[in-house]
Amino acid sequence: MRIAICTDAWHPQVNGVVRTLAATVDRLIAYGHEVELVTPSQFRTMPMPGYGEIRLAMLPRFGTRRTLSDFAPDVVHIATEGPIGWSARSWCKANGVPFTSAFHTRFPEYAAVRTGLSVNRFWPVMRRFHGPSRAVLVSTPSLADELAQQGIKQTRLWTRGIDRDLFVPGREPLPELADLPRPIMLNVGRAAIEKNLVAFLEADVPGTKVVVGSGPDLMRLQARFPEAVFLGARHGEDLARAYCSADVFVFPSRTDTFGLVMIEAMACGVPVAAFPVPGPLDVVGSQGRGPANDLPMQIGALDEDLSLAINKALRCDRLGAAVQGARYNWDRATEQFLAAVSQAIQPVREMEPA
C-alpha cells in the first residue's frame, strides 16, 4: 500500500505525536508498505506564537500538493490540524483521494487555555476539519466517546506502544538523582501551561520533585520553584534511567488525549499518580487497577487531590506497573492503524473495474 503521512509535528520536536508517528512509520516500512512523509522540514517555517520550539510550515499548500501528486498515494493519513494538515486535506478533497485523520491533541482545550476564550469556540473548526475523514484515529475509547458528543463519530481506535527494549525496570539511576531526598517524584513532558505542572510542583508532599523536559514555561517554573530539580530534555537510555530513578511518576495534565509517558514510566516499574480524567482513566483506571479495573494489584492512584494521589501511588505495586506497561505494543498499534487506512480505501477499490 502507498501511504502518505502528513504532519505538522515532526523531528526535532519531542512529543508523543512525533514518537507515535516515528514508531508507526518504521513498522509500516518494515511491513513492506511505501510511505511518503510531508513534514515541516520540507518548508520554510516560523515559530508558533507563544511556543517557539514548535515551528509551523509557511505556505505549505503548493509543496504538499506537489509531493502528494508525485507520490500518488492510495490513502493519506493527516496527523495534525495545522497548515500541512489543512493543505493535505484540501488536496485529498480536490483529487478524490481518501484520507484518515487523527485526534492527537485536545486543540480546543489548549487554545482555550492560551486565549482565555471558551472551548466551544474551537470545536466547529475540529468538526469541519475531520468531517470528510474516512476514520478519525483516537488513542482511547473515552476519547472516542467525547468526540462523538461533539459530532465527530467516525472514530477508530489506535492505541500506543513503548520501546520494550529501552523501558524496563532496574536501570541504574541517573547520577543527578541518585542521592536526592526520597521519595523522588518525576514528571516527563513539555514545560507548558496546558501540562498543568504547577499542580505537581505545588503538591504538599515530602521528597524531591523532578521535571524532565523543555518548553516555553521552563524558565518561569525554575524561578518559581527553585527547590525542584529541572533536568531539561532527556532521550533514550538517559530517559529510561530517569524513570527508573523515580519512586512515583506524577502526571498532572488534564488535557492530554493519552499520555505516552505514563506507560513508559509504568514499564520501568514506576506507579503513576494523576487526576481522574481521560488519559489517566484509560491507562491507570479509576481504582488504580487498569482501565477495566480488573488487575489484581494497584499500578497507580487517581484523585482530585494530587497530593493524596501521590501518597497512594507510593504504596502501589512496582512489578505490577511494569507488567502492565509492557503490554503496550507498537506492532499491535500499527496493525490498528493499517486496519483503519485499509478500510478507508475499500470503497474506492470496489468502484474500480476488475
Protein backbone atom coordinates (compact mmCIF):
# COMPACT_ATOMS: atom_id res chain seq x y z
CA MET A 1 0.00 0.00 0.00
CA ARG A 2 1.18 3.53 -0.78
CA ILE A 3 0.55 5.62 2.33
CA ALA A 4 1.27 9.33 2.65
CA ILE A 5 1.50 10.72 6.18
CA CYS A 6 1.15 14.48 6.54
CA THR A 7 2.03 16.07 9.86
CA ASP A 8 2.85 19.47 11.35
CA ALA A 9 4.66 17.69 14.20
CA TRP A 10 7.96 16.03 13.39
CA HIS A 11 11.61 15.93 14.40
CA PRO A 12 13.30 17.80 16.01
CA GLN A 13 10.12 18.29 18.09
CA VAL A 14 10.00 15.95 21.07
CA ASN A 15 6.47 14.91 21.99
CA GLY A 16 4.10 11.99 21.95
CA VAL A 17 2.79 12.76 18.45
CA VAL A 18 6.26 12.63 16.92
CA ARG A 19 7.21 9.47 18.79
CA THR A 20 3.97 7.77 17.78
CA LEU A 21 4.36 8.66 14.12
CA ALA A 22 8.04 7.72 14.02
CA ALA A 23 7.37 4.30 15.55
CA THR A 24 4.48 3.73 13.14
CA VAL A 25 6.45 4.75 10.05
CA ASP A 26 9.30 2.41 10.99
CA ARG A 27 6.92 -0.52 11.24
CA LEU A 28 4.96 0.33 8.08
CA ILE A 29 8.19 0.28 6.09
CA ALA A 30 9.28 -2.95 7.79
CA TYR A 31 5.94 -4.50 6.77
CA GLY A 32 6.65 -3.62 3.12
CA HIS A 33 4.44 -0.57 2.64
CA GLU A 34 5.59 2.50 0.72
CA VAL A 35 5.45 5.59 2.93
CA GLU A 36 5.86 9.24 1.95
CA LEU A 37 6.11 11.94 4.62
CA VAL A 38 5.09 15.57 4.39
CA THR A 39 6.59 17.43 7.36
CA PRO A 40 7.72 20.95 8.30
CA SER A 41 11.31 20.01 7.36
CA GLN A 42 10.30 20.38 3.71
CA PHE A 43 9.25 24.02 4.05
CA ARG A 44 10.31 27.37 5.37
CA THR A 45 8.99 27.60 8.91
CA MET A 46 8.10 30.16 11.53
CA PRO A 47 7.89 29.72 15.31
CA MET A 48 4.45 29.02 16.66
CA PRO A 49 3.21 32.10 18.54
CA GLY A 50 3.83 31.59 22.25
CA TYR A 51 5.67 28.33 21.66
CA GLY A 52 8.89 28.98 19.75
CA GLU A 53 10.12 25.39 19.98
CA ILE A 54 7.36 24.33 17.58
CA ARG A 55 7.88 25.60 14.05
CA LEU A 56 4.98 25.76 11.61
CA ALA A 57 5.32 25.39 7.86
CA MET A 58 4.83 28.64 5.96
CA LEU A 59 2.53 28.44 2.92
CA PRO A 60 2.84 24.66 2.54
CA ARG A 61 -0.06 24.21 0.13
CA PHE A 62 1.92 24.09 -3.13
CA GLY A 63 4.70 21.88 -1.75
CA THR A 64 2.20 19.50 -0.15
CA ARG A 65 0.22 19.29 -3.36
CA ARG A 66 3.34 18.59 -5.43
CA THR A 67 4.63 15.88 -3.06
CA LEU A 68 1.29 14.12 -2.89
CA SER A 69 0.73 14.32 -6.65
CA ASP A 70 4.18 12.90 -7.36
CA PHE A 71 3.75 10.06 -4.86
CA ALA A 72 0.16 9.21 -5.91
CA PRO A 73 -0.85 7.59 -2.61
CA ASP A 74 -3.60 5.05 -2.17
CA VAL A 75 -4.53 6.81 1.06
CA VAL A 76 -3.38 9.83 3.04
CA HIS A 77 -3.18 9.98 6.81
CA ILE A 78 -3.38 13.51 8.21
CA ALA A 79 -1.94 13.58 11.71
CA THR A 80 -2.43 17.21 12.73
CA GLU A 81 -4.81 20.11 12.20
CA GLY A 82 -2.04 22.62 11.31
CA PRO A 83 -1.03 24.25 8.00
CA ILE A 84 0.24 20.99 6.48
CA GLY A 85 -2.84 19.15 7.68
CA TRP A 86 -5.21 21.64 6.07
CA SER A 87 -3.17 21.62 2.84
CA ALA A 88 -3.27 17.82 2.66
CA ARG A 89 -7.00 17.81 3.39
CA SER A 90 -7.58 20.24 0.52
CA TRP A 91 -5.53 18.13 -1.92
CA CYS A 92 -7.37 14.94 -0.95
CA LYS A 93 -10.77 16.54 -1.44
CA ALA A 94 -9.79 18.07 -4.77
CA ASN A 95 -8.39 14.78 -6.11
CA GLY A 96 -10.85 12.31 -4.62
CA VAL A 97 -8.17 10.55 -2.57
CA PRO A 98 -9.44 9.03 0.69
CA PHE A 99 -7.85 10.19 3.89
CA THR A 100 -7.87 9.35 7.55
CA SER A 101 -7.03 11.77 10.33
CA ALA A 102 -6.04 11.61 13.98
CA PHE A 103 -7.05 13.45 17.12
CA HIS A 104 -3.73 13.52 18.95
CA THR A 105 -4.14 16.85 20.74
CA ARG A 106 -7.04 18.49 22.52
CA PHE A 107 -6.69 21.59 20.39
CA PRO A 108 -9.91 23.22 21.66
CA GLU A 109 -8.78 22.92 25.29
CA TYR A 110 -5.23 24.04 24.51
CA ALA A 111 -6.48 27.03 22.54
CA ALA A 112 -8.93 27.94 25.31
CA VAL A 113 -6.15 27.85 27.93
CA ARG A 114 -3.89 30.06 25.83
CA THR A 115 -6.51 32.57 24.64
CA GLY A 116 -8.98 32.72 27.52
CA LEU A 117 -11.83 32.05 25.08
CA SER A 118 -14.50 29.42 25.58
CA VAL A 119 -13.56 25.92 24.43
CA ASN A 120 -16.84 25.86 22.47
CA ARG A 121 -15.44 28.48 20.11
CA PHE A 122 -12.94 25.97 18.71
CA TRP A 123 -14.96 22.77 18.29
CA PRO A 124 -16.62 23.88 15.00
CA VAL A 125 -13.15 24.07 13.44
CA MET A 126 -12.46 20.50 14.56
CA ARG A 127 -15.78 19.27 13.16
CA ARG A 128 -15.05 20.92 9.83
CA PHE A 129 -11.52 19.55 9.63
CA HIS A 130 -12.36 15.94 10.47
CA GLY A 131 -15.76 15.81 8.77
CA PRO A 132 -14.57 14.35 5.41
CA SER A 133 -12.13 11.93 7.07
CA ARG A 134 -12.92 8.26 6.46
CA ALA A 135 -11.72 7.46 10.00
CA VAL A 136 -10.56 9.63 12.89
CA LEU A 137 -7.96 7.67 14.82
CA VAL A 138 -8.09 8.06 18.62
CA SER A 139 -5.97 6.58 21.37
CA THR A 140 -8.71 5.59 23.82
CA PRO A 141 -12.42 4.65 23.92
CA SER A 142 -13.17 7.59 26.23
CA LEU A 143 -11.77 10.00 23.64
CA ALA A 144 -13.97 8.37 21.00
CA ASP A 145 -16.99 8.94 23.26
CA GLU A 146 -16.00 12.57 23.79
CA LEU A 147 -15.62 13.22 20.06
CA ALA A 148 -18.96 11.56 19.35
CA GLN A 149 -20.59 14.04 21.72
CA GLN A 150 -19.01 16.80 19.65
CA GLY A 151 -20.35 15.38 16.38
CA ILE A 152 -17.20 13.52 15.26
CA LYS A 153 -18.42 9.94 15.15
CA GLN A 154 -16.29 8.06 12.60
CA THR A 155 -13.58 7.18 15.12
CA ARG A 156 -11.28 4.14 15.13
CA LEU A 157 -9.06 3.01 17.99
CA TRP A 158 -5.31 3.46 17.54
CA THR A 159 -3.53 2.61 20.77
CA ARG A 160 0.08 3.34 21.72
CA GLY A 161 3.19 1.33 22.45
CA ILE A 162 6.61 1.55 24.05
CA ASP A 163 10.14 0.53 23.20
CA ARG A 164 10.21 -2.64 25.28
CA ASP A 165 13.98 -2.97 24.96
CA LEU A 166 14.51 0.50 26.40
CA PHE A 167 11.84 0.98 29.04
CA VAL A 168 12.46 -1.79 31.56
CA PRO A 169 12.84 -1.84 35.35
CA GLY A 170 16.17 -1.92 37.12
CA ARG A 171 18.33 0.52 35.19
CA GLU A 172 20.96 2.42 37.12
CA PRO A 173 19.63 5.77 38.40
CA LEU A 174 20.85 8.97 36.82
CA PRO A 175 23.81 10.36 38.80
CA GLU A 176 21.96 13.67 39.20
CA LEU A 177 19.13 11.89 41.02
CA ALA A 178 20.91 9.11 42.89
CA ASP A 179 21.39 10.94 46.20
CA LEU A 180 18.34 13.22 46.31
CA PRO A 181 15.95 13.10 49.28
CA ARG A 182 13.27 10.50 48.65
CA PRO A 183 10.68 9.89 47.56
CA ILE A 184 11.58 11.14 44.09
CA MET A 185 8.52 12.33 42.20
CA LEU A 186 9.06 12.59 38.44
CA ASN A 187 7.29 14.31 35.58
CA VAL A 188 8.33 14.00 31.93
CA GLY A 189 6.91 16.27 29.25
CA ARG A 190 6.70 19.78 27.87
CA ALA A 191 7.04 22.64 30.30
CA ALA A 192 3.93 24.38 29.01
CA ILE A 193 0.81 25.84 30.59
CA GLU A 194 -1.51 23.10 29.28
CA LYS A 195 0.55 20.43 31.09
CA ASN A 196 -0.56 21.84 34.47
CA LEU A 197 2.89 21.41 36.05
CA VAL A 198 2.08 23.97 38.74
CA ALA A 199 -0.36 21.46 40.27
CA PHE A 200 2.52 18.97 40.57
CA LEU A 201 5.08 21.46 41.84
CA GLU A 202 2.68 22.88 44.44
CA ALA A 203 1.66 19.45 45.78
CA ASP A 204 2.21 19.27 49.54
CA VAL A 205 4.31 16.12 49.78
CA PRO A 206 7.80 15.44 51.17
CA GLY A 207 10.68 14.39 48.95
CA THR A 208 12.11 15.75 45.69
CA LYS A 209 10.18 16.84 42.61
CA VAL A 210 11.97 16.31 39.30
CA VAL A 211 10.92 17.65 35.88
CA VAL A 212 12.38 16.24 32.66
CA GLY A 213 11.61 18.25 29.53
CA SER A 214 11.79 21.69 27.99
CA GLY A 215 9.24 24.20 26.84
CA PRO A 216 8.11 27.82 26.92
CA ASP A 217 7.37 27.84 30.67
CA LEU A 218 10.63 26.24 31.80
CA MET A 219 12.44 29.38 32.99
CA ARG A 220 9.34 30.69 34.75
CA LEU A 221 8.84 27.41 36.59
CA GLN A 222 12.51 27.22 37.56
CA ALA A 223 12.32 30.69 39.08
CA ARG A 224 9.05 29.99 40.92
CA PHE A 225 10.03 26.55 42.24
CA PRO A 226 13.78 26.64 42.99
CA GLU A 227 13.50 23.60 45.26
CA ALA A 228 12.53 21.37 42.31
CA VAL A 229 15.11 19.73 40.04
CA PHE A 230 14.83 20.57 36.34
CA LEU A 231 16.89 18.29 34.12
CA GLY A 232 15.88 19.56 30.69
CA ALA A 233 15.08 17.16 27.86
CA ARG A 234 16.41 13.61 28.08
CA HIS A 235 16.24 10.87 25.48
CA GLY A 236 16.95 7.20 25.00
CA GLU A 237 18.75 5.46 27.83
CA ASP A 238 19.03 8.67 29.84
CA LEU A 239 15.25 8.99 29.80
CA ALA A 240 14.80 5.36 30.81
CA ARG A 241 17.26 5.85 33.68
CA ALA A 242 15.34 8.92 34.80
CA TYR A 243 12.15 6.85 35.01
CA CYS A 244 13.94 4.12 36.95
CA SER A 245 15.30 6.71 39.38
CA ALA A 246 11.80 7.71 40.49
CA ASP A 247 9.51 6.38 43.21
CA VAL A 248 6.37 7.73 41.57
CA PHE A 249 5.51 9.29 38.22
CA VAL A 250 3.24 12.32 38.51
CA PHE A 251 1.06 13.24 35.53
CA PRO A 252 -0.86 16.44 36.34
CA SER A 253 -2.22 17.16 32.84
CA ARG A 254 -5.99 17.39 32.47
CA THR A 255 -5.93 17.82 28.68
CA ASP A 256 -3.76 15.06 27.16
CA THR A 257 -5.53 12.57 24.93
CA PHE A 258 -3.40 9.70 26.23
CA GLY A 259 -0.07 10.34 27.94
CA LEU A 260 2.61 8.13 26.38
CA VAL A 261 4.97 8.99 29.23
CA MET A 262 2.67 7.22 31.70
CA ILE A 263 3.07 3.83 30.05
CA GLU A 264 6.82 4.37 29.64
CA ALA A 265 7.10 5.08 33.37
CA MET A 266 4.96 2.08 34.26
CA ALA A 267 7.06 -0.18 32.05
CA CYS A 268 10.06 0.94 34.13
CA GLY A 269 8.22 -0.17 37.27
CA VAL A 270 7.07 3.28 38.41
CA PRO A 271 3.46 3.71 39.62
CA VAL A 272 1.51 6.72 38.34
CA ALA A 273 -0.27 9.48 40.26
CA ALA A 274 -2.70 11.66 38.31
CA PHE A 275 -6.08 13.35 38.25
CA PRO A 276 -9.14 11.17 37.41
CA VAL A 277 -9.53 12.49 33.86
CA PRO A 278 -9.45 10.87 30.38
CA GLY A 279 -5.95 9.67 29.69
CA PRO A 280 -5.10 8.54 33.21
CA LEU A 281 -8.51 6.85 33.50
CA ASP A 282 -7.75 4.93 30.29
CA VAL A 283 -4.28 3.87 31.45
CA VAL A 284 -4.37 3.62 35.25
CA GLY A 285 -8.10 3.14 35.81
CA SER A 286 -10.38 4.79 38.33
CA GLN A 287 -9.34 2.37 41.09
CA GLY A 288 -5.70 2.14 40.01
CA ARG A 289 -6.25 -1.40 38.70
CA GLY A 290 -6.13 -0.75 34.95
CA PRO A 291 -8.76 0.69 32.60
CA ALA A 292 -11.11 -2.28 33.20
CA ASN A 293 -10.39 -2.26 36.97
CA ASP A 294 -9.54 -5.95 36.72
CA LEU A 295 -5.87 -6.10 37.71
CA PRO A 296 -5.02 -7.99 40.93
CA MET A 297 -2.77 -5.15 42.06
CA GLN A 298 -2.77 -1.34 42.05
CA ILE A 299 -0.47 0.23 39.47
CA GLY A 300 -1.23 3.84 40.35
CA ALA A 301 -3.68 6.20 42.00
CA LEU A 302 -6.05 8.87 40.71
CA ASP A 303 -7.53 11.56 42.91
CA GLU A 304 -8.71 15.15 42.60
CA ASP A 305 -6.28 15.82 45.47
CA LEU A 306 -2.98 15.26 43.66
CA SER A 307 -1.02 15.10 46.92
CA LEU A 308 -3.26 12.26 48.07
CA ALA A 309 -2.84 10.50 44.71
CA ILE A 310 0.95 10.73 45.08
CA ASN A 311 0.90 9.28 48.59
CA LYS A 312 -1.36 6.43 47.44
CA ALA A 313 0.78 5.70 44.37
CA LEU A 314 3.90 5.40 46.53
CA ARG A 315 2.32 2.30 48.07
CA CYS A 316 1.43 0.66 44.74
CA ASP A 317 2.93 -2.44 43.16
CA ARG A 318 6.04 -1.64 41.09
CA LEU A 319 6.20 -5.06 39.47
CA GLY A 320 2.54 -4.87 38.55
CA ALA A 321 3.11 -1.45 36.97
CA ALA A 322 6.00 -2.87 34.93
CA VAL A 323 3.92 -5.81 33.68
CA GLN A 324 1.02 -3.56 32.71
CA GLY A 325 3.24 -1.01 30.97
CA ALA A 326 4.99 -3.71 28.94
CA ARG A 327 1.64 -4.79 27.48
CA TYR A 328 1.58 -1.72 25.23
CA ASN A 329 2.93 -2.82 21.87
CA TRP A 330 3.78 -0.74 18.78
CA ASP A 331 3.19 -3.71 16.47
CA ARG A 332 -0.37 -4.07 17.73
CA ALA A 333 -0.89 -0.31 17.42
CA THR A 334 0.41 -0.33 13.84
CA GLU A 335 -1.95 -3.16 12.95
CA GLN A 336 -4.82 -0.96 14.16
CA PHE A 337 -3.51 1.90 12.02
CA LEU A 338 -3.29 -0.35 8.96
CA ALA A 339 -6.81 -1.67 9.51
CA ALA A 340 -8.16 1.88 9.55
CA VAL A 341 -6.36 3.08 6.42
CA SER A 342 -7.15 -0.16 4.59
CA GLN A 343 -10.84 0.26 5.31
CA ALA A 344 -10.63 3.89 4.19
CA ILE A 345 -9.64 2.89 0.64
CA GLN A 346 -12.05 -0.03 0.36
CA PRO A 347 -14.95 1.96 -1.19
CA VAL A 348 -12.57 3.32 -3.84
CA ARG A 349 -11.33 -0.18 -4.72
CA GLU A 350 -14.85 -1.51 -5.00
CA MET A 351 -15.61 1.04 -7.71
CA GLU A 352 -12.55 0.10 -9.78
CA PRO A 353 -13.08 -2.33 -12.69
CA ALA A 354 -11.94 -5.91 -12.19
